[in-house]
């Protein structure tokens, strides 16, 4: 088994890594909060969120608050597992003794 086998390519972009980092410690987070926390543009955040949604790592809930659209994201069980495996693989890589 290779040293980087469990490193997940879906998390190799800072925006996707950031989305997952925020969502594993929060029940759900809205679009504007994520955008602000990650310093992302609307299009950039939406694109990366769509990638994670297609992988079934996050869910997206769209609603209206008054007349304003509201988009909330939350992590799925499989997303939480994949992210934890990714972090463990990074820790193993960092702590590997040669």
PDB file of N, CA and C in Angstrom:
ATOM      1  N   UNK A   1       0.841  -1.186   0.000  1.00  0.00           N
ATOM      2  CA  UNK A   1       0.000   0.000   0.000  1.00  0.00           C
ATOM      3  C   UNK A   1       0.882   1.243   0.000  1.00  0.00           C
ATOM      4  N   UNK A   2       0.579   2.172  -0.905  1.00  0.00           N
ATOM      5  CA  UNK A   2       1.383   3.371  -1.038  1.00  0.00           C
ATOM      6  C   UNK A   2       1.126   4.374   0.071  1.00  0.00           C
ATOM      7  N   UNK A   3       2.056   5.268   0.210  1.00  0.00           N
ATOM      8  CA  UNK A   3       2.008   6.266   1.273  1.00  0.00           C
ATOM      9  C   UNK A   3       0.835   7.234   1.119  1.00  0.00           C
ATOM     10  N   UNK A   4       0.423   7.487  -0.134  1.00  0.00           N
ATOM     11  CA  UNK A   4      -0.633   8.487  -0.347  1.00  0.00           C
ATOM     12  C   UNK A   4      -1.930   7.881  -0.875  1.00  0.00           C
ATOM     13  N   UNK A   5      -2.122   6.585  -0.693  1.00  0.00           N
ATOM     14  CA  UNK A   5      -3.307   5.906  -1.226  1.00  0.00           C
ATOM     15  C   UNK A   5      -4.631   6.486  -0.721  1.00  0.00           C
ATOM     16  N   UNK A   6      -4.701   6.892   0.524  1.00  0.00           N
ATOM     17  CA  UNK A   6      -5.967   7.376   1.080  1.00  0.00           C
ATOM     18  C   UNK A   6      -6.155   8.890   0.965  1.00  0.00           C
ATOM     19  N   UNK A   7      -5.247   9.562   0.272  1.00  0.00           N
ATOM     20  CA  UNK A   7      -5.420  11.000   0.062  1.00  0.00           C
ATOM     21  C   UNK A   7      -6.458  11.177  -1.042  1.00  0.00           C
ATOM     22  N   UNK A   8      -7.496  11.923  -0.736  1.00  0.00           N
ATOM     23  CA  UNK A   8      -8.647  12.077  -1.619  1.00  0.00           C
ATOM     24  C   UNK A   8      -8.446  13.277  -2.541  1.00  0.00           C
ATOM     25  N   UNK A   9      -8.406  13.025  -3.846  1.00  0.00           N
ATOM     26  CA  UNK A   9      -8.189  14.093  -4.829  1.00  0.00           C
ATOM     27  C   UNK A   9      -9.286  15.152  -4.796  1.00  0.00           C
ATOM     28  N   UNK A  10     -10.491  14.780  -4.359  1.00  0.00           N
ATOM     29  CA  UNK A  10     -11.568  15.770  -4.296  1.00  0.00           C
ATOM     30  C   UNK A  10     -11.266  16.881  -3.296  1.00  0.00           C
ATOM     31  N   UNK A  11     -10.405  16.610  -2.350  1.00  0.00           N
ATOM     32  CA  UNK A  11     -10.081  17.603  -1.326  1.00  0.00           C
ATOM     33  C   UNK A  11      -8.776  18.342  -1.627  1.00  0.00           C
ATOM     34  N   UNK A  12      -8.274  18.233  -2.862  1.00  0.00           N
ATOM     35  CA  UNK A  12      -6.975  18.853  -3.160  1.00  0.00           C
ATOM     36  C   UNK A  12      -7.073  20.335  -3.509  1.00  0.00           C
ATOM     37  N   UNK A  13      -8.259  20.888  -3.537  1.00  0.00           N
ATOM     38  CA  UNK A  13      -8.414  22.328  -3.766  1.00  0.00           C
ATOM     39  C   UNK A  13      -8.774  23.001  -2.442  1.00  0.00           C
ATOM     40  N   UNK A  14      -8.198  24.153  -2.189  1.00  0.00           N
ATOM     41  CA  UNK A  14      -8.392  24.804  -0.890  1.00  0.00           C
ATOM     42  C   UNK A  14      -9.853  25.142  -0.603  1.00  0.00           C
ATOM     43  N   UNK A  15     -10.643  25.450  -1.625  1.00  0.00           N
ATOM     44  CA  UNK A  15     -12.051  25.775  -1.389  1.00  0.00           C
ATOM     45  C   UNK A  15     -12.810  24.523  -0.948  1.00  0.00           C
ATOM     46  N   UNK A  16     -12.601  23.403  -1.638  1.00  0.00           N
ATOM     47  CA  UNK A  16     -13.287  22.160  -1.243  1.00  0.00           C
ATOM     48  C   UNK A  16     -12.804  21.690   0.124  1.00  0.00           C
ATOM     49  N   UNK A  17     -11.522  21.797   0.381  1.00  0.00           N
ATOM     50  CA  UNK A  17     -10.984  21.442   1.696  1.00  0.00           C
ATOM     51  C   UNK A  17     -11.608  22.336   2.766  1.00  0.00           C
ATOM     52  N   UNK A  18     -11.744  23.611   2.461  1.00  0.00           N
ATOM     53  CA  UNK A  18     -12.347  24.554   3.396  1.00  0.00           C
ATOM     54  C   UNK A  18     -13.815  24.271   3.647  1.00  0.00           C
ATOM     55  N   UNK A  19     -14.562  23.981   2.587  1.00  0.00           N
ATOM     56  CA  UNK A  19     -15.982  23.654   2.735  1.00  0.00           C
ATOM     57  C   UNK A  19     -16.141  22.475   3.687  1.00  0.00           C
ATOM     58  N   UNK A  20     -15.382  21.426   3.447  1.00  0.00           N
ATOM     59  CA  UNK A  20     -15.487  20.232   4.278  1.00  0.00           C
ATOM     60  C   UNK A  20     -15.039  20.516   5.709  1.00  0.00           C
ATOM     61  N   UNK A  21     -13.986  21.278   5.875  1.00  0.00           N
ATOM     62  CA  UNK A  21     -13.495  21.609   7.222  1.00  0.00           C
ATOM     63  C   UNK A  21     -14.557  22.338   8.031  1.00  0.00           C
ATOM     64  N   UNK A  22     -15.251  23.272   7.389  1.00  0.00           N
ATOM     65  CA  UNK A  22     -16.300  24.023   8.079  1.00  0.00           C
ATOM     66  C   UNK A  22     -17.492  23.117   8.380  1.00  0.00           C
ATOM     67  N   UNK A  23     -17.872  22.287   7.424  1.00  0.00           N
ATOM     68  CA  UNK A  23     -19.091  21.491   7.587  1.00  0.00           C
ATOM     69  C   UNK A  23     -18.950  20.331   8.568  1.00  0.00           C
ATOM     70  N   UNK A  24     -17.755  19.792   8.737  1.00  0.00           N
ATOM     71  CA  UNK A  24     -17.623  18.683   9.691  1.00  0.00           C
ATOM     72  C   UNK A  24     -17.740  19.157  11.139  1.00  0.00           C
ATOM     73  N   UNK A  25     -17.591  20.452  11.369  1.00  0.00           N
ATOM     74  CA  UNK A  25     -17.712  20.964  12.737  1.00  0.00           C
ATOM     75  C   UNK A  25     -18.979  21.800  12.959  1.00  0.00           C
ATOM     76  N   UNK A  26     -19.802  21.949  11.930  1.00  0.00           N
ATOM     77  CA  UNK A  26     -21.065  22.678  12.024  1.00  0.00           C
ATOM     78  C   UNK A  26     -22.182  21.830  11.425  1.00  0.00           C
ATOM     79  N   UNK A  27     -23.352  21.878  12.026  1.00  0.00           N
ATOM     80  CA  UNK A  27     -24.484  21.094  11.509  1.00  0.00           C
ATOM     81  C   UNK A  27     -24.821  21.503  10.083  1.00  0.00           C
ATOM     82  N   UNK A  28     -24.878  22.803   9.845  1.00  0.00           N
ATOM     83  CA  UNK A  28     -25.051  23.327   8.492  1.00  0.00           C
ATOM     84  C   UNK A  28     -24.556  24.761   8.457  1.00  0.00           C
ATOM     85  N   UNK A  29     -24.234  25.216   7.258  1.00  0.00           N
ATOM     86  CA  UNK A  29     -23.708  26.566   7.078  1.00  0.00           C
ATOM     87  C   UNK A  29     -24.315  27.133   5.800  1.00  0.00           C
ATOM     88  N   UNK A  30     -24.706  28.407   5.843  1.00  0.00           N
ATOM     89  CA  UNK A  30     -25.290  28.993   4.642  1.00  0.00           C
ATOM     90  C   UNK A  30     -24.210  29.501   3.682  1.00  0.00           C
ATOM     91  N   UNK A  31     -24.642  29.729   2.445  1.00  0.00           N
ATOM     92  CA  UNK A  31     -23.749  30.105   1.354  1.00  0.00           C
ATOM     93  C   UNK A  31     -22.911  31.336   1.702  1.00  0.00           C
ATOM     94  N   UNK A  32     -23.565  32.393   2.183  1.00  0.00           N
ATOM     95  CA  UNK A  32     -22.839  33.638   2.455  1.00  0.00           C
ATOM     96  C   UNK A  32     -21.806  33.483   3.566  1.00  0.00           C
ATOM     97  N   UNK A  33     -22.128  32.685   4.572  1.00  0.00           N
ATOM     98  CA  UNK A  33     -21.165  32.445   5.654  1.00  0.00           C
ATOM     99  C   UNK A  33     -19.956  31.689   5.117  1.00  0.00           C
ATOM    100  N   UNK A  34     -20.201  30.649   4.317  1.00  0.00           N
ATOM    101  CA  UNK A  34     -19.094  29.892   3.719  1.00  0.00           C
ATOM    102  C   UNK A  34     -18.248  30.794   2.835  1.00  0.00           C
ATOM    103  N   UNK A  35     -18.906  31.593   2.026  1.00  0.00           N
ATOM    104  CA  UNK A  35     -18.207  32.499   1.118  1.00  0.00           C
ATOM    105  C   UNK A  35     -17.284  33.435   1.897  1.00  0.00           C
ATOM    106  N   UNK A  36     -17.793  33.986   2.984  1.00  0.00           N
ATOM    107  CA  UNK A  36     -17.013  34.899   3.811  1.00  0.00           C
ATOM    108  C   UNK A  36     -15.855  34.176   4.502  1.00  0.00           C
ATOM    109  N   UNK A  37     -16.131  33.016   5.082  1.00  0.00           N
ATOM    110  CA  UNK A  37     -15.091  32.258   5.793  1.00  0.00           C
ATOM    111  C   UNK A  37     -13.950  31.842   4.867  1.00  0.00           C
ATOM    112  N   UNK A  38     -14.295  31.489   3.632  1.00  0.00           N
ATOM    113  CA  UNK A  38     -13.295  30.949   2.710  1.00  0.00           C
ATOM    114  C   UNK A  38     -12.698  31.994   1.772  1.00  0.00           C
ATOM    115  N   UNK A  39     -13.273  33.189   1.766  1.00  0.00           N
ATOM    116  CA  UNK A  39     -12.773  34.225   0.864  1.00  0.00           C
ATOM    117  C   UNK A  39     -12.958  33.840  -0.592  1.00  0.00           C
ATOM    118  N   UNK A  40     -14.086  33.212  -0.895  1.00  0.00           N
ATOM    119  CA  UNK A  40     -14.359  32.729  -2.252  1.00  0.00           C
ATOM    120  C   UNK A  40     -15.351  33.642  -2.963  1.00  0.00           C
ATOM    121  N   UNK A  41     -15.329  33.594  -4.284  1.00  0.00           N
ATOM    122  CA  UNK A  41     -16.345  34.309  -5.057  1.00  0.00           C
ATOM    123  C   UNK A  41     -17.601  33.433  -5.119  1.00  0.00           C
ATOM    124  N   UNK A  42     -18.723  34.030  -5.505  1.00  0.00           N
ATOM    125  CA  UNK A  42     -19.975  33.276  -5.628  1.00  0.00           C
ATOM    126  C   UNK A  42     -19.803  32.078  -6.568  1.00  0.00           C
ATOM    127  N   UNK A  43     -19.277  32.350  -7.761  1.00  0.00           N
ATOM    128  CA  UNK A  43     -19.127  31.294  -8.764  1.00  0.00           C
ATOM    129  C   UNK A  43     -18.166  30.204  -8.333  1.00  0.00           C
ATOM    130  N   UNK A  44     -17.064  30.598  -7.720  1.00  0.00           N
ATOM    131  CA  UNK A  44     -16.060  29.645  -7.272  1.00  0.00           C
ATOM    132  C   UNK A  44     -16.634  28.723  -6.194  1.00  0.00           C
ATOM    133  N   UNK A  45     -17.309  29.310  -5.214  1.00  0.00           N
ATOM    134  CA  UNK A  45     -17.901  28.522  -4.136  1.00  0.00           C
ATOM    135  C   UNK A  45     -18.980  27.587  -4.680  1.00  0.00           C
ATOM    136  N   UNK A  46     -19.846  28.110  -5.541  1.00  0.00           N
ATOM    137  CA  UNK A  46     -20.925  27.297  -6.103  1.00  0.00           C
ATOM    138  C   UNK A  46     -20.374  26.121  -6.902  1.00  0.00           C
ATOM    139  N   UNK A  47     -19.334  26.356  -7.677  1.00  0.00           N
ATOM    140  CA  UNK A  47     -18.716  25.300  -8.490  1.00  0.00           C
ATOM    141  C   UNK A  47     -18.120  24.192  -7.625  1.00  0.00           C
ATOM    142  N   UNK A  48     -17.376  24.576  -6.603  1.00  0.00           N
ATOM    143  CA  UNK A  48     -16.755  23.577  -5.729  1.00  0.00           C
ATOM    144  C   UNK A  48     -17.794  22.847  -4.881  1.00  0.00           C
ATOM    145  N   UNK A  49     -18.827  23.552  -4.455  1.00  0.00           N
ATOM    146  CA  UNK A  49     -19.903  22.905  -3.694  1.00  0.00           C
ATOM    147  C   UNK A  49     -20.612  21.876  -4.575  1.00  0.00           C
ATOM    148  N   UNK A  50     -20.817  22.200  -5.840  1.00  0.00           N
ATOM    149  CA  UNK A  50     -21.466  21.273  -6.780  1.00  0.00           C
ATOM    150  C   UNK A  50     -20.630  20.002  -6.932  1.00  0.00           C
ATOM    151  N   UNK A  51     -19.322  20.142  -7.000  1.00  0.00           N
ATOM    152  CA  UNK A  51     -18.430  18.985  -7.105  1.00  0.00           C
ATOM    153  C   UNK A  51     -18.590  18.076  -5.889  1.00  0.00           C
ATOM    154  N   UNK A  52     -18.628  18.671  -4.696  1.00  0.00           N
ATOM    155  CA  UNK A  52     -18.785  17.883  -3.467  1.00  0.00           C
ATOM    156  C   UNK A  52     -20.182  17.271  -3.381  1.00  0.00           C
ATOM    157  N   UNK A  53     -21.180  17.994  -3.874  1.00  0.00           N
ATOM    158  CA  UNK A  53     -22.551  17.470  -3.875  1.00  0.00           C
ATOM    159  C   UNK A  53     -22.658  16.264  -4.813  1.00  0.00           C
ATOM    160  N   UNK A  54     -22.053  16.350  -5.989  1.00  0.00           N
ATOM    161  CA  UNK A  54     -22.084  15.235  -6.956  1.00  0.00           C
ATOM    162  C   UNK A  54     -21.419  13.988  -6.384  1.00  0.00           C
ATOM    163  N   UNK A  55     -20.413  14.180  -5.533  1.00  0.00           N
ATOM    164  CA  UNK A  55     -19.719  13.055  -4.896  1.00  0.00           C
ATOM    165  C   UNK A  55     -20.491  12.528  -3.688  1.00  0.00           C
ATOM    166  N   UNK A  56     -21.630  13.158  -3.383  1.00  0.00           N
ATOM    167  CA  UNK A  56     -22.462  12.805  -2.220  1.00  0.00           C
ATOM    168  C   UNK A  56     -21.732  13.052  -0.897  1.00  0.00           C
ATOM    169  N   UNK A  57     -20.880  14.062  -0.883  1.00  0.00           N
ATOM    170  CA  UNK A  57     -20.160  14.427   0.339  1.00  0.00           C
ATOM    171  C   UNK A  57     -20.895  15.518   1.110  1.00  0.00           C
ATOM    172  N   UNK A  58     -21.687  16.324   0.400  1.00  0.00           N
ATOM    173  CA  UNK A  58     -22.485  17.357   1.062  1.00  0.00           C
ATOM    174  C   UNK A  58     -23.897  17.354   0.485  1.00  0.00           C
ATOM    175  N   UNK A  59     -24.829  17.903   1.239  1.00  0.00           N
ATOM    176  CA  UNK A  59     -26.181  18.121   0.736  1.00  0.00           C
ATOM    177  C   UNK A  59     -26.431  19.620   0.678  1.00  0.00           C
ATOM    178  N   UNK A  60     -27.308  20.001  -0.230  1.00  0.00           N
ATOM    179  CA  UNK A  60     -27.649  21.408  -0.433  1.00  0.00           C
ATOM    180  C   UNK A  60     -29.146  21.556  -0.215  1.00  0.00           C
ATOM    181  N   UNK A  61     -29.510  22.513   0.613  1.00  0.00           N
ATOM    182  CA  UNK A  61     -30.921  22.789   0.889  1.00  0.00           C
ATOM    183  C   UNK A  61     -31.202  24.237   0.518  1.00  0.00           C
ATOM    184  N   UNK A  62     -32.077  24.420  -0.466  1.00  0.00           N
ATOM    185  CA  UNK A  62     -32.426  25.775  -0.907  1.00  0.00           C
ATOM    186  C   UNK A  62     -33.803  26.132  -0.378  1.00  0.00           C
ATOM    187  N   UNK A  63     -33.922  27.348   0.137  1.00  0.00           N
ATOM    188  CA  UNK A  63     -35.198  27.814   0.665  1.00  0.00           C
ATOM    189  C   UNK A  63     -35.245  29.331   0.527  1.00  0.00           C
ATOM    190  N   UNK A  64     -36.310  29.918   1.012  1.00  0.00           N
ATOM    191  CA  UNK A  64     -36.436  31.375   1.033  1.00  0.00           C
ATOM    192  C   UNK A  64     -36.635  31.826   2.469  1.00  0.00           C
ATOM    193  N   UNK A  65     -35.963  32.910   2.812  1.00  0.00           N
ATOM    194  CA  UNK A  65     -36.192  33.570   4.087  1.00  0.00           C
ATOM    195  C   UNK A  65     -36.795  34.921   3.704  1.00  0.00           C
ATOM    196  N   UNK A  66     -38.087  35.038   3.935  1.00  0.00           N
ATOM    197  CA  UNK A  66     -38.797  36.188   3.389  1.00  0.00           C
ATOM    198  C   UNK A  66     -38.798  36.035   1.876  1.00  0.00           C
ATOM    199  N   UNK A  67     -38.265  37.010   1.193  1.00  0.00           N
ATOM    200  CA  UNK A  67     -38.168  36.929  -0.277  1.00  0.00           C
ATOM    201  C   UNK A  67     -36.754  36.635  -0.749  1.00  0.00           C
ATOM    202  N   UNK A  68     -35.843  36.442   0.200  1.00  0.00           N
ATOM    203  CA  UNK A  68     -34.448  36.210  -0.167  1.00  0.00           C
ATOM    204  C   UNK A  68     -34.141  34.721  -0.223  1.00  0.00           C
ATOM    205  N   UNK A  69     -33.478  34.297  -1.306  1.00  0.00           N
ATOM    206  CA  UNK A  69     -33.078  32.886  -1.373  1.00  0.00           C
ATOM    207  C   UNK A  69     -32.016  32.580  -0.314  1.00  0.00           C
ATOM    208  N   UNK A  70     -32.066  31.374   0.217  1.00  0.00           N
ATOM    209  CA  UNK A  70     -31.100  30.939   1.213  1.00  0.00           C
ATOM    210  C   UNK A  70     -30.650  29.528   0.854  1.00  0.00           C
ATOM    211  N   UNK A  71     -29.347  29.337   0.774  1.00  0.00           N
ATOM    212  CA  UNK A  71     -28.779  28.026   0.463  1.00  0.00           C
ATOM    213  C   UNK A  71     -27.963  27.571   1.653  1.00  0.00           C
ATOM    214  N   UNK A  72     -28.294  26.376   2.160  1.00  0.00           N
ATOM    215  CA  UNK A  72     -27.572  25.804   3.302  1.00  0.00           C
ATOM    216  C   UNK A  72     -26.889  24.520   2.860  1.00  0.00           C
ATOM    217  N   UNK A  73     -25.718  24.311   3.398  1.00  0.00           N
ATOM    218  CA  UNK A  73     -24.942  23.104   3.112  1.00  0.00           C
ATOM    219  C   UNK A  73     -24.742  22.318   4.397  1.00  0.00           C
ATOM    220  N   UNK A  74     -24.734  20.997   4.268  1.00  0.00           N
ATOM    221  CA  UNK A  74     -24.376  20.139   5.391  1.00  0.00           C
ATOM    222  C   UNK A  74     -23.610  18.938   4.853  1.00  0.00           C
ATOM    223  N   UNK A  75     -22.811  18.348   5.715  1.00  0.00           N
ATOM    224  CA  UNK A  75     -21.997  17.205   5.312  1.00  0.00           C
ATOM    225  C   UNK A  75     -22.825  15.925   5.438  1.00  0.00           C
ATOM    226  N   UNK A  76     -22.606  14.989   4.511  1.00  0.00           N
ATOM    227  CA  UNK A  76     -23.271  13.689   4.581  1.00  0.00           C
ATOM    228  C   UNK A  76     -22.411  12.729   5.405  1.00  0.00           C
ATOM    229  N   UNK A  77     -22.994  11.596   5.754  1.00  0.00           N
ATOM    230  CA  UNK A  77     -22.231  10.582   6.493  1.00  0.00           C
ATOM    231  C   UNK A  77     -21.021  10.127   5.672  1.00  0.00           C
ATOM    232  N   UNK A  78     -21.233   9.865   4.385  1.00  0.00           N
ATOM    233  CA  UNK A  78     -20.109   9.412   3.547  1.00  0.00           C
ATOM    234  C   UNK A  78     -19.077  10.524   3.377  1.00  0.00           C
ATOM    235  N   UNK A  79     -19.527  11.773   3.335  1.00  0.00           N
ATOM    236  CA  UNK A  79     -18.594  12.894   3.247  1.00  0.00           C
ATOM    237  C   UNK A  79     -17.744  13.023   4.491  1.00  0.00           C
ATOM    238  N   UNK A  80     -18.373  12.841   5.648  1.00  0.00           N
ATOM    239  CA  UNK A  80     -17.648  12.908   6.921  1.00  0.00           C
ATOM    240  C   UNK A  80     -16.591  11.801   6.986  1.00  0.00           C
ATOM    241  N   UNK A  81     -16.965  10.597   6.584  1.00  0.00           N
ATOM    242  CA  UNK A  81     -16.029   9.462   6.596  1.00  0.00           C
ATOM    243  C   UNK A  81     -14.863   9.724   5.637  1.00  0.00           C
ATOM    244  N   UNK A  82     -15.185  10.148   4.406  1.00  0.00           N
ATOM    245  CA  UNK A  82     -14.137  10.402   3.410  1.00  0.00           C
ATOM    246  C   UNK A  82     -13.179  11.493   3.884  1.00  0.00           C
ATOM    247  N   UNK A  83     -13.722  12.538   4.492  1.00  0.00           N
ATOM    248  CA  UNK A  83     -12.878  13.633   4.953  1.00  0.00           C
ATOM    249  C   UNK A  83     -11.980  13.182   6.098  1.00  0.00           C
ATOM    250  N   UNK A  84     -12.539  12.429   7.031  1.00  0.00           N
ATOM    251  CA  UNK A  84     -11.727  11.938   8.154  1.00  0.00           C
ATOM    252  C   UNK A  84     -10.619  10.999   7.663  1.00  0.00           C
ATOM    253  N   UNK A  85     -10.932  10.165   6.674  1.00  0.00           N
ATOM    254  CA  UNK A  85      -9.905   9.282   6.091  1.00  0.00           C
ATOM    255  C   UNK A  85      -8.808  10.106   5.413  1.00  0.00           C
ATOM    256  N   UNK A  86      -9.212  11.164   4.735  1.00  0.00           N
ATOM    257  CA  UNK A  86      -8.260  12.057   4.065  1.00  0.00           C
ATOM    258  C   UNK A  86      -7.327  12.712   5.084  1.00  0.00           C
ATOM    259  N   UNK A  87      -7.900  13.232   6.157  1.00  0.00           N
ATOM    260  CA  UNK A  87      -7.094  13.884   7.206  1.00  0.00           C
ATOM    261  C   UNK A  87      -6.154  12.865   7.859  1.00  0.00           C
ATOM    262  N   UNK A  88      -6.657  11.666   8.115  1.00  0.00           N
ATOM    263  CA  UNK A  88      -5.810  10.615   8.704  1.00  0.00           C
ATOM    264  C   UNK A  88      -4.652  10.272   7.767  1.00  0.00           C
ATOM    265  N   UNK A  89      -4.926  10.214   6.461  1.00  0.00           N
ATOM    266  CA  UNK A  89      -3.870   9.911   5.492  1.00  0.00           C
ATOM    267  C   UNK A  89      -2.815  11.014   5.482  1.00  0.00           C
ATOM    268  N   UNK A  90      -3.259  12.268   5.574  1.00  0.00           N
ATOM    269  CA  UNK A  90      -2.303  13.380   5.634  1.00  0.00           C
ATOM    270  C   UNK A  90      -1.461  13.309   6.909  1.00  0.00           C
ATOM    271  N   UNK A  91      -2.125  12.988   8.029  1.00  0.00           N
ATOM    272  CA  UNK A  91      -1.383  12.869   9.296  1.00  0.00           C
ATOM    273  C   UNK A  91      -0.363  11.738   9.211  1.00  0.00           C
ATOM    274  N   UNK A  92      -0.749  10.623   8.612  1.00  0.00           N
ATOM    275  CA  UNK A  92       0.193   9.506   8.447  1.00  0.00           C
ATOM    276  C   UNK A  92       1.372   9.900   7.586  1.00  0.00           C
ATOM    277  N   UNK A  93       1.102  10.655   6.526  1.00  0.00           N
ATOM    278  CA  UNK A  93       2.159  11.117   5.640  1.00  0.00           C
ATOM    279  C   UNK A  93       3.123  12.031   6.384  1.00  0.00           C
ATOM    280  N   UNK A  94       2.580  12.946   7.176  1.00  0.00           N
ATOM    281  CA  UNK A  94       3.402  13.894   7.931  1.00  0.00           C
ATOM    282  C   UNK A  94       4.214  13.176   9.007  1.00  0.00           C
ATOM    283  N   UNK A  95       3.608  12.205   9.660  1.00  0.00           N
ATOM    284  CA  UNK A  95       4.264  11.533  10.783  1.00  0.00           C
ATOM    285  C   UNK A  95       5.079  10.314  10.388  1.00  0.00           C
ATOM    286  N   UNK A  96       5.112  10.004   9.089  1.00  0.00           N
ATOM    287  CA  UNK A  96       5.837   8.808   8.623  1.00  0.00           C
ATOM    288  C   UNK A  96       7.308   8.932   8.965  1.00  0.00           C
ATOM    289  N   UNK A  97       7.827   7.908   9.596  1.00  0.00           N
ATOM    290  CA  UNK A  97       9.243   7.876   9.944  1.00  0.00           C
ATOM    291  C   UNK A  97       9.998   7.144   8.829  1.00  0.00           C
ATOM    292  N   UNK A  98      11.071   7.757   8.360  1.00  0.00           N
ATOM    293  CA  UNK A  98      11.866   7.144   7.270  1.00  0.00           C
ATOM    294  C   UNK A  98      12.976   6.284   7.828  1.00  0.00           C
TER     295      UNK A  98
END
